[in-house]
Amino acid sequence: MASFAADSDARDSAGSDEENSSSSSPSQANPAPQYPEFPAYNRVNPVCVLVIGMAGSGKTTLMHRINLTMNDLGKKAYYINLDPAVKTVPYAANIDIRDTVNYKEVMTQYGLGPNGAILTSLNLFATRFDQVIGLLEHRADNLDYIFVDTPGQIEAFTWSAGGQIIAELLGSSFPTTVLYVTDTPRCTSPTTFMSNMLYACSILFKTHLPVVCVFNKVDVAPAEFALEWMRDFESYQEALDADRSEDYMGPLNRSLSLGMDEFYRSLKACGVSAVTGAGMTEMLLQIDAAGVDFKETFLPEIVRRIQIKQKAEAAKAEESMDRLKKDLAGAKI
């Protein structure tokens, strides 16, 4: 697997940042480990957007529309493709996983199927993602957004070690949000709608990042019904009553809708069309608002979890060192 050629001045600036953070650390009187301040704390832009959605929801087509919208608005954006199995992308990807990992060779070398090869390719790419962060850091001051297109198999990113590493690295460096793309025509069924909302909720808990739910393909089916179901519990109950095919799942859906009500309050949502461009301005406003939520609510929690993990690792290392000292002392006797 090839490595990225990061610019030397980016590496130099990263090194100077480390020196500055270490020089400004508290006094050694405090024995607790010290943690450098995350770069995301000091940034408003660029906002990093992880584009996630079920296969066929229109993620890559939406990325193409985003590219056109950025050009029309005069915004500067950076595009990353993390799908190693896609043949062509309809947008100019600044960083493409296919330039680093050969999907077919991974499948042949490890004897994997298509999904296993996608997962393995993403994990291999994640081992070098610190170099991607270096490239993004070098260009961050001139960017408004960073858009990351994820594999069509949603679980390959959301439930893989590589996806978690990528999300954490981006979240520690930039204001980051998840753009969850939903196929609107397929959500006209209350049960399918609830399935998509449950998956959006699981992504929120898995990534610890704010989620913007976009109902794509509003040129085929308007998204007002879905937005109304999210705002009004009674409206969703009426839809369940009207759909007699949902008798089997009705009681479960009613219970789930009550539990999801609090989740809907924090979830940002809008309807868009990747084909016509409808709703793109509203989507960008929601992304910007999610970037503010990230810094105010999500980033402190991310830092807290990482600090707890680092303290546990430091305590484990100290315990191992104490055992080693005892073993050496016993050997001398």
C-alpha atoms as a PDB file:
ATOM      1  CA  MET A   1       0.000   0.000   0.000  1.00  0.00           C
ATOM      2  CA  ALA A   2       1.426   3.315  -1.090  1.00  0.00           C
ATOM      3  CA  SER A   3       1.864   6.198   1.331  1.00  0.00           C
ATOM      4  CA  PHE A   4       0.766   9.801   0.910  1.00  0.00           C
ATOM      5  CA  ALA A   5       3.311  12.482   0.067  1.00  0.00           C
ATOM      6  CA  ALA A   6       2.511  15.110   2.663  1.00  0.00           C
ATOM      7  CA  ASP A   7       4.072  18.519   2.139  1.00  0.00           C
ATOM      8  CA  SER A   8       7.156  19.222   4.228  1.00  0.00           C
ATOM      9  CA  ASP A   9       5.808  22.506   5.572  1.00  0.00           C
ATOM     10  CA  ALA A  10       2.705  20.687   6.836  1.00  0.00           C
ATOM     11  CA  ARG A  11       4.942  18.298   8.741  1.00  0.00           C
ATOM     12  CA  ASP A  12       7.006  21.195  10.078  1.00  0.00           C
ATOM     13  CA  SER A  13       3.887  23.036  11.267  1.00  0.00           C
ATOM     14  CA  ALA A  14       2.620  19.884  12.936  1.00  0.00           C
ATOM     15  CA  GLY A  15       5.935  19.525  14.722  1.00  0.00           C
ATOM     16  CA  SER A  16       5.888  23.144  15.905  1.00  0.00           C
ATOM     17  CA  ASP A  17       2.333  22.675  17.211  1.00  0.00           C
ATOM     18  CA  GLU A  18       3.485  19.696  19.268  1.00  0.00           C
ATOM     19  CA  GLU A  19       6.387  21.690  20.690  1.00  0.00           C
ATOM     20  CA  ASN A  20       4.122  24.612  21.607  1.00  0.00           C
ATOM     21  CA  SER A  21       1.572  22.335  23.280  1.00  0.00           C
ATOM     22  CA  SER A  22       4.259  20.551  25.276  1.00  0.00           C
ATOM     23  CA  SER A  23       5.921  23.798  26.349  1.00  0.00           C
ATOM     24  CA  SER A  24       2.612  25.177  27.627  1.00  0.00           C
ATOM     25  CA  SER A  25       1.748  22.106  29.699  1.00  0.00           C
ATOM     26  CA  PRO A  26       1.111  22.519  33.459  1.00  0.00           C
ATOM     27  CA  SER A  27       3.904  22.061  35.958  1.00  0.00           C
ATOM     28  CA  GLN A  28       5.319  18.640  36.745  1.00  0.00           C
ATOM     29  CA  ALA A  29       3.896  18.886  40.284  1.00  0.00           C
ATOM     30  CA  ASN A  30       0.718  17.322  38.924  1.00  0.00           C
ATOM     31  CA  PRO A  31       1.487  13.624  38.316  1.00  0.00           C
ATOM     32  CA  ALA A  32      -1.552  13.114  36.062  1.00  0.00           C
ATOM     33  CA  PRO A  33      -0.828  12.724  32.309  1.00  0.00           C
ATOM     34  CA  GLN A  34      -1.187  15.886  30.213  1.00  0.00           C
ATOM     35  CA  TYR A  35      -3.211  16.008  26.994  1.00  0.00           C
ATOM     36  CA  PRO A  36      -2.689  18.452  24.116  1.00  0.00           C
ATOM     37  CA  GLU A  37      -5.654  20.624  23.186  1.00  0.00           C
ATOM     38  CA  PHE A  38      -7.515  19.247  20.196  1.00  0.00           C
ATOM     39  CA  PRO A  39      -7.217  21.365  17.014  1.00  0.00           C
ATOM     40  CA  ALA A  40     -11.010  21.191  16.564  1.00  0.00           C
ATOM     41  CA  TYR A  41     -11.404  23.495  19.592  1.00  0.00           C
ATOM     42  CA  ASN A  42      -9.847  26.409  17.732  1.00  0.00           C
ATOM     43  CA  ARG A  43     -11.660  25.962  14.421  1.00  0.00           C
ATOM     44  CA  VAL A  44     -14.930  27.153  12.948  1.00  0.00           C
ATOM     45  CA  ASN A  45     -14.116  26.110   9.391  1.00  0.00           C
ATOM     46  CA  PRO A  46     -13.789  23.842   7.599  1.00  0.00           C
ATOM     47  CA  VAL A  47     -16.714  21.681   8.679  1.00  0.00           C
ATOM     48  CA  CYS A  48     -16.026  18.021   7.925  1.00  0.00           C
ATOM     49  CA  VAL A  49     -19.056  16.074   6.663  1.00  0.00           C
ATOM     50  CA  LEU A  50     -19.195  12.264   6.666  1.00  0.00           C
ATOM     51  CA  VAL A  51     -21.746  11.282   3.995  1.00  0.00           C
ATOM     52  CA  ILE A  52     -23.341   8.001   5.159  1.00  0.00           C
ATOM     53  CA  GLY A  53     -26.403   6.154   3.899  1.00  0.00           C
ATOM     54  CA  MET A  54     -27.911   2.874   2.791  1.00  0.00           C
ATOM     55  CA  ALA A  55     -26.954   1.436  -0.597  1.00  0.00           C
ATOM     56  CA  GLY A  56     -29.020   3.131  -3.299  1.00  0.00           C
ATOM     57  CA  SER A  57     -29.897   6.178  -1.199  1.00  0.00           C
ATOM     58  CA  GLY A  58     -27.966   8.438  -3.592  1.00  0.00           C
ATOM     59  CA  LYS A  59     -24.831   9.321  -1.601  1.00  0.00           C
ATOM     60  CA  THR A  60     -22.455   9.580  -4.558  1.00  0.00           C
ATOM     61  CA  THR A  61     -24.998  11.451  -6.696  1.00  0.00           C
ATOM     62  CA  LEU A  62     -25.513  13.837  -3.793  1.00  0.00           C
ATOM     63  CA  MET A  63     -21.751  14.352  -3.622  1.00  0.00           C
ATOM     64  CA  HIS A  64     -21.862  15.379  -7.293  1.00  0.00           C
ATOM     65  CA  ARG A  65     -24.659  17.853  -6.554  1.00  0.00           C
ATOM     66  CA  ILE A  66     -22.700  19.197  -3.563  1.00  0.00           C
ATOM     67  CA  ASN A  67     -19.722  19.753  -5.843  1.00  0.00           C
ATOM     68  CA  LEU A  68     -21.872  21.758  -8.266  1.00  0.00           C
ATOM     69  CA  THR A  69     -23.449  23.736  -5.409  1.00  0.00           C
ATOM     70  CA  MET A  70     -20.064  24.631  -3.951  1.00  0.00           C
ATOM     71  CA  ASN A  71     -18.985  25.976  -7.333  1.00  0.00           C
ATOM     72  CA  ASP A  72     -22.193  27.988  -7.712  1.00  0.00           C
ATOM     73  CA  LEU A  73     -21.862  29.507  -4.228  1.00  0.00           C
ATOM     74  CA  GLY A  74     -18.142  30.179  -4.551  1.00  0.00           C
ATOM     75  CA  LYS A  75     -17.359  27.931  -1.583  1.00  0.00           C
ATOM     76  CA  LYS A  76     -14.102  26.001  -1.302  1.00  0.00           C
ATOM     77  CA  ALA A  77     -14.505  22.315  -0.509  1.00  0.00           C
ATOM     78  CA  TYR A  78     -12.265  19.258  -0.306  1.00  0.00           C
ATOM     79  CA  TYR A  79     -13.562  15.843  -1.405  1.00  0.00           C
ATOM     80  CA  ILE A  80     -12.478  12.422  -0.158  1.00  0.00           C
ATOM     81  CA  ASN A  81     -13.681   9.106  -1.609  1.00  0.00           C
ATOM     82  CA  LEU A  82     -13.531   6.142   0.796  1.00  0.00           C
ATOM     83  CA  ASP A  83     -15.333   3.623  -1.438  1.00  0.00           C
ATOM     84  CA  PRO A  84     -12.670   1.296  -2.899  1.00  0.00           C
ATOM     85  CA  ALA A  85     -15.151  -0.687  -5.041  1.00  0.00           C
ATOM     86  CA  VAL A  86     -16.720   2.179  -6.998  1.00  0.00           C
ATOM     87  CA  LYS A  87     -15.720   2.266 -10.674  1.00  0.00           C
ATOM     88  CA  THR A  88     -16.153   5.978 -11.303  1.00  0.00           C
ATOM     89  CA  VAL A  89     -17.028   8.993  -9.156  1.00  0.00           C
ATOM     90  CA  PRO A  90     -18.989  11.925 -10.665  1.00  0.00           C
ATOM     91  CA  TYR A  91     -16.984  14.505  -8.738  1.00  0.00           C
ATOM     92  CA  ALA A  92     -13.323  15.478  -8.567  1.00  0.00           C
ATOM     93  CA  ALA A  93     -12.012  13.608  -5.512  1.00  0.00           C
ATOM     94  CA  ASN A  94      -8.966  15.306  -4.003  1.00  0.00           C
ATOM     95  CA  ILE A  95      -8.106  12.119  -2.102  1.00  0.00           C
ATOM     96  CA  ASP A  96      -9.253   8.748  -3.417  1.00  0.00           C
ATOM     97  CA  ILE A  97      -8.816   5.471  -1.551  1.00  0.00           C
ATOM     98  CA  ARG A  98      -8.484   3.713  -4.928  1.00  0.00           C
ATOM     99  CA  ASP A  99      -5.149   5.465  -5.482  1.00  0.00           C
ATOM    100  CA  THR A 100      -3.793   3.788  -2.350  1.00  0.00           C
ATOM    101  CA  VAL A 101      -5.570   0.428  -1.999  1.00  0.00           C
ATOM    102  CA  ASN A 102      -6.361  -1.933  -4.885  1.00  0.00           C
ATOM    103  CA  TYR A 103      -9.731  -3.445  -4.029  1.00  0.00           C
ATOM    104  CA  LYS A 104      -9.429  -6.418  -6.400  1.00  0.00           C
ATOM    105  CA  GLU A 105      -5.923  -7.283  -5.209  1.00  0.00           C
ATOM    106  CA  VAL A 106      -7.134  -7.244  -1.598  1.00  0.00           C
ATOM    107  CA  MET A 107      -9.940  -9.603  -2.555  1.00  0.00           C
ATOM    108  CA  THR A 108      -7.515 -11.985  -4.294  1.00  0.00           C
ATOM    109  CA  GLN A 109      -4.676 -11.789  -1.770  1.00  0.00           C
ATOM    110  CA  TYR A 110      -6.822 -12.393   1.303  1.00  0.00           C
ATOM    111  CA  GLY A 111      -9.404 -14.658  -0.316  1.00  0.00           C
ATOM    112  CA  LEU A 112     -12.294 -12.337   0.543  1.00  0.00           C
ATOM    113  CA  GLY A 113     -15.693 -11.632  -0.911  1.00  0.00           C
ATOM    114  CA  PRO A 114     -16.800  -8.166  -2.069  1.00  0.00           C
ATOM    115  CA  ASN A 115     -17.948  -6.914   1.355  1.00  0.00           C
ATOM    116  CA  GLY A 116     -14.942  -8.362   3.172  1.00  0.00           C
ATOM    117  CA  ALA A 117     -12.591  -6.743   0.657  1.00  0.00           C
ATOM    118  CA  ILE A 118     -14.264  -3.348   1.122  1.00  0.00           C
ATOM    119  CA  LEU A 119     -13.947  -3.665   4.895  1.00  0.00           C
ATOM    120  CA  THR A 120     -10.300  -4.742   4.722  1.00  0.00           C
ATOM    121  CA  SER A 121      -9.425  -1.991   2.220  1.00  0.00           C
ATOM    122  CA  LEU A 122     -10.943   0.609   4.531  1.00  0.00           C
ATOM    123  CA  ASN A 123      -9.028  -0.758   7.529  1.00  0.00           C
ATOM    124  CA  LEU A 124      -5.760  -0.680   5.566  1.00  0.00           C
ATOM    125  CA  PHE A 125      -6.439   2.899   4.496  1.00  0.00           C
ATOM    126  CA  ALA A 126      -7.200   3.890   8.092  1.00  0.00           C
ATOM    127  CA  THR A 127      -3.669   2.897   9.135  1.00  0.00           C
ATOM    128  CA  ARG A 128      -2.363   5.786   7.002  1.00  0.00           C
ATOM    129  CA  PHE A 129      -5.143   8.258   7.699  1.00  0.00           C
ATOM    130  CA  ASP A 130      -2.858  10.386   9.852  1.00  0.00           C
ATOM    131  CA  GLN A 131      -1.215  11.397   6.570  1.00  0.00           C
ATOM    132  CA  VAL A 132      -4.617  12.450   5.221  1.00  0.00           C
ATOM    133  CA  ILE A 133      -5.121  14.565   8.348  1.00  0.00           C
ATOM    134  CA  GLY A 134      -1.751  16.187   7.644  1.00  0.00           C
ATOM    135  CA  LEU A 135      -2.838  17.119   4.130  1.00  0.00           C
ATOM    136  CA  LEU A 136      -6.144  18.502   5.402  1.00  0.00           C
ATOM    137  CA  GLU A 137      -4.397  20.484   8.143  1.00  0.00           C
ATOM    138  CA  HIS A 138      -2.153  22.051   5.514  1.00  0.00           C
ATOM    139  CA  ARG A 139      -5.145  23.272   3.484  1.00  0.00           C
ATOM    140  CA  ALA A 140      -7.653  23.908   6.281  1.00  0.00           C
ATOM    141  CA  ASP A 141      -7.303  27.697   6.327  1.00  0.00           C
ATOM    142  CA  ASN A 142      -8.478  27.904   2.703  1.00  0.00           C
ATOM    143  CA  LEU A 143     -11.450  25.519   2.958  1.00  0.00           C
ATOM    144  CA  ASP A 144     -15.104  25.911   3.917  1.00  0.00           C
ATOM    145  CA  TYR A 145     -16.053  22.219   3.921  1.00  0.00           C
ATOM    146  CA  ILE A 146     -14.554  18.745   3.747  1.00  0.00           C
ATOM    147  CA  PHE A 147     -16.892  16.094   2.313  1.00  0.00           C
ATOM    148  CA  VAL A 148     -16.129  12.397   2.822  1.00  0.00           C
ATOM    149  CA  ASP A 149     -17.994   9.864   0.662  1.00  0.00           C
ATOM    150  CA  THR A 150     -18.245   6.500   2.460  1.00  0.00           C
ATOM    151  CA  PRO A 151     -18.750   2.984   0.996  1.00  0.00           C
ATOM    152  CA  GLY A 152     -22.180   1.972  -0.272  1.00  0.00           C
ATOM    153  CA  GLN A 153     -22.299  -0.843   2.281  1.00  0.00           C
ATOM    154  CA  ILE A 154     -23.112   1.333   5.278  1.00  0.00           C
ATOM    155  CA  GLU A 155     -21.933  -1.176   7.877  1.00  0.00           C
ATOM    156  CA  ALA A 156     -18.457  -1.256   6.297  1.00  0.00           C
ATOM    157  CA  PHE A 157     -17.862   2.230   7.680  1.00  0.00           C
ATOM    158  CA  THR A 158     -20.139   2.638  10.687  1.00  0.00           C
ATOM    159  CA  TRP A 159     -19.291  -0.684  12.385  1.00  0.00           C
ATOM    160  CA  SER A 160     -15.671  -1.211  11.361  1.00  0.00           C
ATOM    161  CA  ALA A 161     -12.484  -0.405  13.247  1.00  0.00           C
ATOM    162  CA  GLY A 162     -11.255   1.609  10.262  1.00  0.00           C
ATOM    163  CA  GLY A 163     -14.408   3.714  10.172  1.00  0.00           C
ATOM    164  CA  GLN A 164     -14.154   4.434  13.890  1.00  0.00           C
ATOM    165  CA  ILE A 165     -10.505   5.476  13.561  1.00  0.00           C
ATOM    166  CA  ILE A 166     -11.298   7.792  10.647  1.00  0.00           C
ATOM    167  CA  ALA A 167     -14.254   9.382  12.453  1.00  0.00           C
ATOM    168  CA  GLU A 168     -12.214   9.952  15.629  1.00  0.00           C
ATOM    169  CA  LEU A 169      -9.255  11.452  13.781  1.00  0.00           C
ATOM    170  CA  LEU A 170     -11.485  13.824  11.828  1.00  0.00           C
ATOM    171  CA  GLY A 171     -13.505  14.700  14.946  1.00  0.00           C
ATOM    172  CA  SER A 172     -10.377  15.585  16.914  1.00  0.00           C
ATOM    173  CA  SER A 173      -9.092  17.863  14.142  1.00  0.00           C
ATOM    174  CA  PHE A 174     -12.175  19.537  12.626  1.00  0.00           C
ATOM    175  CA  PRO A 175     -15.789  20.327  13.505  1.00  0.00           C
ATOM    176  CA  THR A 176     -17.341  17.119  12.183  1.00  0.00           C
ATOM    177  CA  THR A 177     -20.881  16.001  11.448  1.00  0.00           C
ATOM    178  CA  VAL A 178     -22.615  13.017   9.848  1.00  0.00           C
ATOM    179  CA  LEU A 179     -24.843  13.568   6.828  1.00  0.00           C
ATOM    180  CA  TYR A 180     -27.219  10.596   6.902  1.00  0.00           C
ATOM    181  CA  VAL A 181     -28.774  10.194   3.435  1.00  0.00           C
ATOM    182  CA  THR A 182     -32.228   8.588   3.344  1.00  0.00           C
ATOM    183  CA  ASP A 183     -34.152   7.307   0.312  1.00  0.00           C
ATOM    184  CA  THR A 184     -37.424   9.273   0.652  1.00  0.00           C
ATOM    185  CA  PRO A 185     -39.625   7.138  -1.664  1.00  0.00           C
ATOM    186  CA  ARG A 186     -38.760   4.059   0.381  1.00  0.00           C
ATOM    187  CA  CYS A 187     -39.731   5.807   3.643  1.00  0.00           C
ATOM    188  CA  THR A 188     -43.406   6.200   2.755  1.00  0.00           C
ATOM    189  CA  SER A 189     -44.029   3.021   4.752  1.00  0.00           C
ATOM    190  CA  PRO A 190     -44.093   3.810   8.505  1.00  0.00           C
ATOM    191  CA  THR A 191     -42.061   0.679   9.268  1.00  0.00           C
ATOM    192  CA  THR A 192     -39.333   1.515   6.729  1.00  0.00           C
ATOM    193  CA  PHE A 193     -39.261   5.090   8.034  1.00  0.00           C
ATOM    194  CA  MET A 194     -38.778   3.832  11.588  1.00  0.00           C
ATOM    195  CA  SER A 195     -36.007   1.474  10.445  1.00  0.00           C
ATOM    196  CA  ASN A 196     -34.105   4.388   8.897  1.00  0.00           C
ATOM    197  CA  MET A 197     -34.560   6.539  11.994  1.00  0.00           C
ATOM    198  CA  LEU A 198     -33.302   3.737  14.244  1.00  0.00           C
ATOM    199  CA  TYR A 199     -30.218   3.429  12.068  1.00  0.00           C
ATOM    200  CA  ALA A 200     -29.649   7.182  12.258  1.00  0.00           C
ATOM    201  CA  CYS A 201     -29.922   6.925  16.049  1.00  0.00           C
ATOM    202  CA  SER A 202     -27.404   4.063  16.130  1.00  0.00           C
ATOM    203  CA  ILE A 203     -24.963   6.131  14.048  1.00  0.00           C
ATOM    204  CA  LEU A 204     -25.280   8.989  16.548  1.00  0.00           C
ATOM    205  CA  PHE A 205     -24.376   6.685  19.447  1.00  0.00           C
ATOM    206  CA  LYS A 206     -21.636   4.882  17.509  1.00  0.00           C
ATOM    207  CA  THR A 207     -19.802   7.924  16.128  1.00  0.00           C
ATOM    208  CA  HIS A 208     -20.579  10.429  18.935  1.00  0.00           C
ATOM    209  CA  LEU A 209     -21.073  13.040  16.204  1.00  0.00           C
ATOM    210  CA  PRO A 210     -24.065  15.280  15.375  1.00  0.00           C
ATOM    211  CA  VAL A 211     -26.317  13.851  12.660  1.00  0.00           C
ATOM    212  CA  VAL A 212     -28.069  15.732   9.858  1.00  0.00           C
ATOM    213  CA  CYS A 213     -30.707  13.541   8.214  1.00  0.00           C
ATOM    214  CA  VAL A 214     -31.363  14.460   4.579  1.00  0.00           C
ATOM    215  CA  PHE A 215     -34.326  12.909   2.799  1.00  0.00           C
ATOM    216  CA  ASN A 216     -33.016  12.544  -0.750  1.00  0.00           C
ATOM    217  CA  LYS A 217     -35.010  12.193  -4.002  1.00  0.00           C
ATOM    218  CA  VAL A 218     -37.692  14.738  -3.116  1.00  0.00           C
ATOM    219  CA  ASP A 219     -38.166  15.153  -6.879  1.00  0.00           C
ATOM    220  CA  VAL A 220     -39.737  11.679  -6.782  1.00  0.00           C
ATOM    221  CA  ALA A 221     -41.537  11.840  -3.412  1.00  0.00           C
ATOM    222  CA  PRO A 222     -41.816  15.012  -1.269  1.00  0.00           C
ATOM    223  CA  ALA A 223     -40.286  14.700   2.209  1.00  0.00           C
ATOM    224  CA  GLU A 224     -42.955  16.707   4.063  1.00  0.00           C
ATOM    225  CA  PHE A 225     -44.631  13.551   5.362  1.00  0.00           C
ATOM    226  CA  ALA A 226     -41.377  12.307   6.958  1.00  0.00           C
ATOM    227  CA  LEU A 227     -40.591  15.683   8.522  1.00  0.00           C
ATOM    228  CA  GLU A 228     -44.149  15.825   9.884  1.00  0.00           C
ATOM    229  CA  TRP A 229     -43.807  12.326  11.392  1.00  0.00           C
ATOM    230  CA  MET A 230     -40.679  13.523  13.190  1.00  0.00           C
ATOM    231  CA  ARG A 231     -42.327  16.684  14.517  1.00  0.00           C
ATOM    232  CA  ASP A 232     -45.750  15.289  15.406  1.00  0.00           C
ATOM    233  CA  PHE A 233     -46.153  11.988  17.257  1.00  0.00           C
ATOM    234  CA  GLU A 234     -49.891  11.894  16.521  1.00  0.00           C
ATOM    235  CA  SER A 235     -49.277  12.253  12.790  1.00  0.00           C
ATOM    236  CA  TYR A 236     -47.127   9.120  12.780  1.00  0.00           C
ATOM    237  CA  GLN A 237     -49.767   7.249  14.788  1.00  0.00           C
ATOM    238  CA  GLU A 238     -52.406   8.212  12.229  1.00  0.00           C
ATOM    239  CA  ALA A 239     -50.180   6.884   9.432  1.00  0.00           C
ATOM    240  CA  LEU A 240     -49.863   3.579  11.288  1.00  0.00           C
ATOM    241  CA  ASP A 241     -53.640   3.379  11.702  1.00  0.00           C
ATOM    242  CA  ALA A 242     -54.208   4.113   8.017  1.00  0.00           C
ATOM    243  CA  ASP A 243     -51.785   1.436   6.795  1.00  0.00           C
ATOM    244  CA  ARG A 244     -53.491  -1.873   7.505  1.00  0.00           C
ATOM    245  CA  SER A 245     -50.437  -3.777   6.217  1.00  0.00           C
ATOM    246  CA  GLU A 246     -48.611  -2.570   9.348  1.00  0.00           C
ATOM    247  CA  ASP A 247     -50.902  -4.410  11.810  1.00  0.00           C
ATOM    248  CA  TYR A 248     -48.158  -6.872  12.740  1.00  0.00           C
ATOM    249  CA  MET A 249     -45.509  -4.191  13.388  1.00  0.00           C
ATOM    250  CA  GLY A 250     -47.922  -1.507  14.593  1.00  0.00           C
ATOM    251  CA  PRO A 251     -47.558  -1.980  18.370  1.00  0.00           C
ATOM    252  CA  LEU A 252     -43.760  -2.084  18.148  1.00  0.00           C
ATOM    253  CA  ASN A 253     -43.667   1.007  15.927  1.00  0.00           C
ATOM    254  CA  ARG A 254     -45.890   2.899  18.353  1.00  0.00           C
ATOM    255  CA  SER A 255     -43.590   2.091  21.246  1.00  0.00           C
ATOM    256  CA  LEU A 256     -40.481   2.988  19.254  1.00  0.00           C
ATOM    257  CA  SER A 257     -41.934   6.313  18.135  1.00  0.00           C
ATOM    258  CA  LEU A 258     -42.412   7.295  21.772  1.00  0.00           C
ATOM    259  CA  GLY A 259     -38.809   6.422  22.574  1.00  0.00           C
ATOM    260  CA  MET A 260     -37.494   8.228  19.482  1.00  0.00           C
ATOM    261  CA  ASP A 261     -39.290  11.477  20.267  1.00  0.00           C
ATOM    262  CA  GLU A 262     -36.350  12.853  22.269  1.00  0.00           C
ATOM    263  CA  PHE A 263     -33.939  11.807  19.517  1.00  0.00           C
ATOM    264  CA  TYR A 264     -35.983  13.725  16.935  1.00  0.00           C
ATOM    265  CA  ARG A 265     -35.638  16.890  19.027  1.00  0.00           C
ATOM    266  CA  SER A 266     -31.855  16.871  18.576  1.00  0.00           C
ATOM    267  CA  LEU A 267     -31.843  15.567  14.991  1.00  0.00           C
ATOM    268  CA  LYS A 268     -31.570  18.084  12.180  1.00  0.00           C
ATOM    269  CA  ALA A 269     -33.464  17.114   9.016  1.00  0.00           C
ATOM    270  CA  CYS A 270     -34.390  18.476   5.601  1.00  0.00           C
ATOM    271  CA  GLY A 271     -35.412  17.291   2.150  1.00  0.00           C
ATOM    272  CA  VAL A 272     -33.072  17.492  -0.853  1.00  0.00           C
ATOM    273  CA  SER A 273     -32.829  16.319  -4.437  1.00  0.00           C
ATOM    274  CA  ALA A 274     -29.457  15.295  -5.770  1.00  0.00           C
ATOM    275  CA  VAL A 275     -30.889  15.488  -9.306  1.00  0.00           C
ATOM    276  CA  THR A 276     -32.510  18.938  -9.314  1.00  0.00           C
ATOM    277  CA  GLY A 277     -30.567  20.570  -6.473  1.00  0.00           C
ATOM    278  CA  ALA A 278     -33.670  21.374  -4.451  1.00  0.00           C
ATOM    279  CA  GLY A 279     -33.048  21.941  -0.743  1.00  0.00           C
ATOM    280  CA  MET A 280     -29.263  22.239  -0.992  1.00  0.00           C
ATOM    281  CA  THR A 281     -29.151  25.685   0.665  1.00  0.00           C
ATOM    282  CA  GLU A 282     -31.180  24.414   3.609  1.00  0.00           C
ATOM    283  CA  MET A 283     -28.907  21.381   3.886  1.00  0.00           C
ATOM    284  CA  LEU A 284     -25.794  23.574   4.135  1.00  0.00           C
ATOM    285  CA  LEU A 285     -27.458  25.686   6.842  1.00  0.00           C
ATOM    286  CA  GLN A 286     -28.184  22.501   8.789  1.00  0.00           C
ATOM    287  CA  ILE A 287     -24.579  21.355   8.367  1.00  0.00           C
ATOM    288  CA  ASP A 288     -23.272  24.693   9.676  1.00  0.00           C
ATOM    289  CA  ALA A 289     -25.608  24.479  12.682  1.00  0.00           C
ATOM    290  CA  ALA A 290     -24.416  20.918  13.349  1.00  0.00           C
ATOM    291  CA  GLY A 291     -20.832  22.194  13.294  1.00  0.00           C
ATOM    292  CA  VAL A 292     -21.718  24.610  16.093  1.00  0.00           C
ATOM    293  CA  ASP A 293     -23.417  21.805  18.053  1.00  0.00           C
ATOM    294  CA  PHE A 294     -20.297  19.696  17.635  1.00  0.00           C
ATOM    295  CA  LYS A 295     -18.079  22.230  19.402  1.00  0.00           C
ATOM    296  CA  GLU A 296     -20.584  23.028  22.138  1.00  0.00           C
ATOM    297  CA  THR A 297     -21.858  19.538  22.977  1.00  0.00           C
ATOM    298  CA  PHE A 298     -20.024  16.700  21.253  1.00  0.00           C
ATOM    299  CA  LEU A 299     -16.352  17.734  21.319  1.00  0.00           C
ATOM    300  CA  PRO A 300     -16.081  17.992  25.133  1.00  0.00           C
ATOM    301  CA  GLU A 301     -17.512  14.483  25.407  1.00  0.00           C
ATOM    302  CA  ILE A 302     -15.069  13.153  22.790  1.00  0.00           C
ATOM    303  CA  VAL A 303     -12.153  14.707  24.675  1.00  0.00           C
ATOM    304  CA  ARG A 304     -13.427  13.321  27.985  1.00  0.00           C
ATOM    305  CA  ARG A 305     -13.663   9.780  26.607  1.00  0.00           C
ATOM    306  CA  ILE A 306     -10.199   9.939  25.049  1.00  0.00           C
ATOM    307  CA  GLN A 307      -8.683  11.324  28.241  1.00  0.00           C
ATOM    308  CA  ILE A 308     -10.252   8.532  30.287  1.00  0.00           C
ATOM    309  CA  LYS A 309      -8.853   6.009  27.828  1.00  0.00           C
ATOM    310  CA  GLN A 310      -5.386   7.578  27.958  1.00  0.00           C
ATOM    311  CA  LYS A 311      -5.413   7.651  31.776  1.00  0.00           C
ATOM    312  CA  ALA A 312      -6.344   3.969  31.839  1.00  0.00           C
ATOM    313  CA  GLU A 313      -3.513   3.183  29.429  1.00  0.00           C
ATOM    314  CA  ALA A 314      -1.064   5.232  31.514  1.00  0.00           C
ATOM    315  CA  ALA A 315      -2.158   3.429  34.686  1.00  0.00           C
ATOM    316  CA  LYS A 316      -1.750   0.070  32.959  1.00  0.00           C
ATOM    317  CA  ALA A 317       1.725   1.003  31.754  1.00  0.00           C
ATOM    318  CA  GLU A 318       2.705   2.138  35.252  1.00  0.00           C
ATOM    319  CA  GLU A 319       1.426  -1.122  36.722  1.00  0.00           C
ATOM    320  CA  SER A 320       3.463  -3.103  34.200  1.00  0.00           C
ATOM    321  CA  MET A 321       6.561  -1.068  35.075  1.00  0.00           C
ATOM    322  CA  ASP A 322       6.039  -1.732  38.801  1.00  0.00           C
ATOM    323  CA  ARG A 323       5.826  -5.478  38.152  1.00  0.00           C
ATOM    324  CA  LEU A 324       8.986  -5.311  36.075  1.00  0.00           C
ATOM    325  CA  LYS A 325      10.854  -3.480  38.872  1.00  0.00           C
ATOM    326  CA  LYS A 326       9.734  -6.104  41.394  1.00  0.00           C
ATOM    327  CA  ASP A 327      10.866  -8.917  39.108  1.00  0.00           C
ATOM    328  CA  LEU A 328      14.269  -7.278  38.623  1.00  0.00           C
ATOM    329  CA  ALA A 329      14.645  -6.723  42.372  1.00  0.00           C
ATOM    330  CA  GLY A 330      13.853 -10.386  43.052  1.00  0.00           C
ATOM    331  CA  ALA A 331      16.335 -11.504  40.385  1.00  0.00           C
ATOM    332  CA  LYS A 332      19.161  -9.545  42.097  1.00  0.00           C
ATOM    333  CA  ILE A 333      18.496 -11.248  45.403  1.00  0.00           C
END
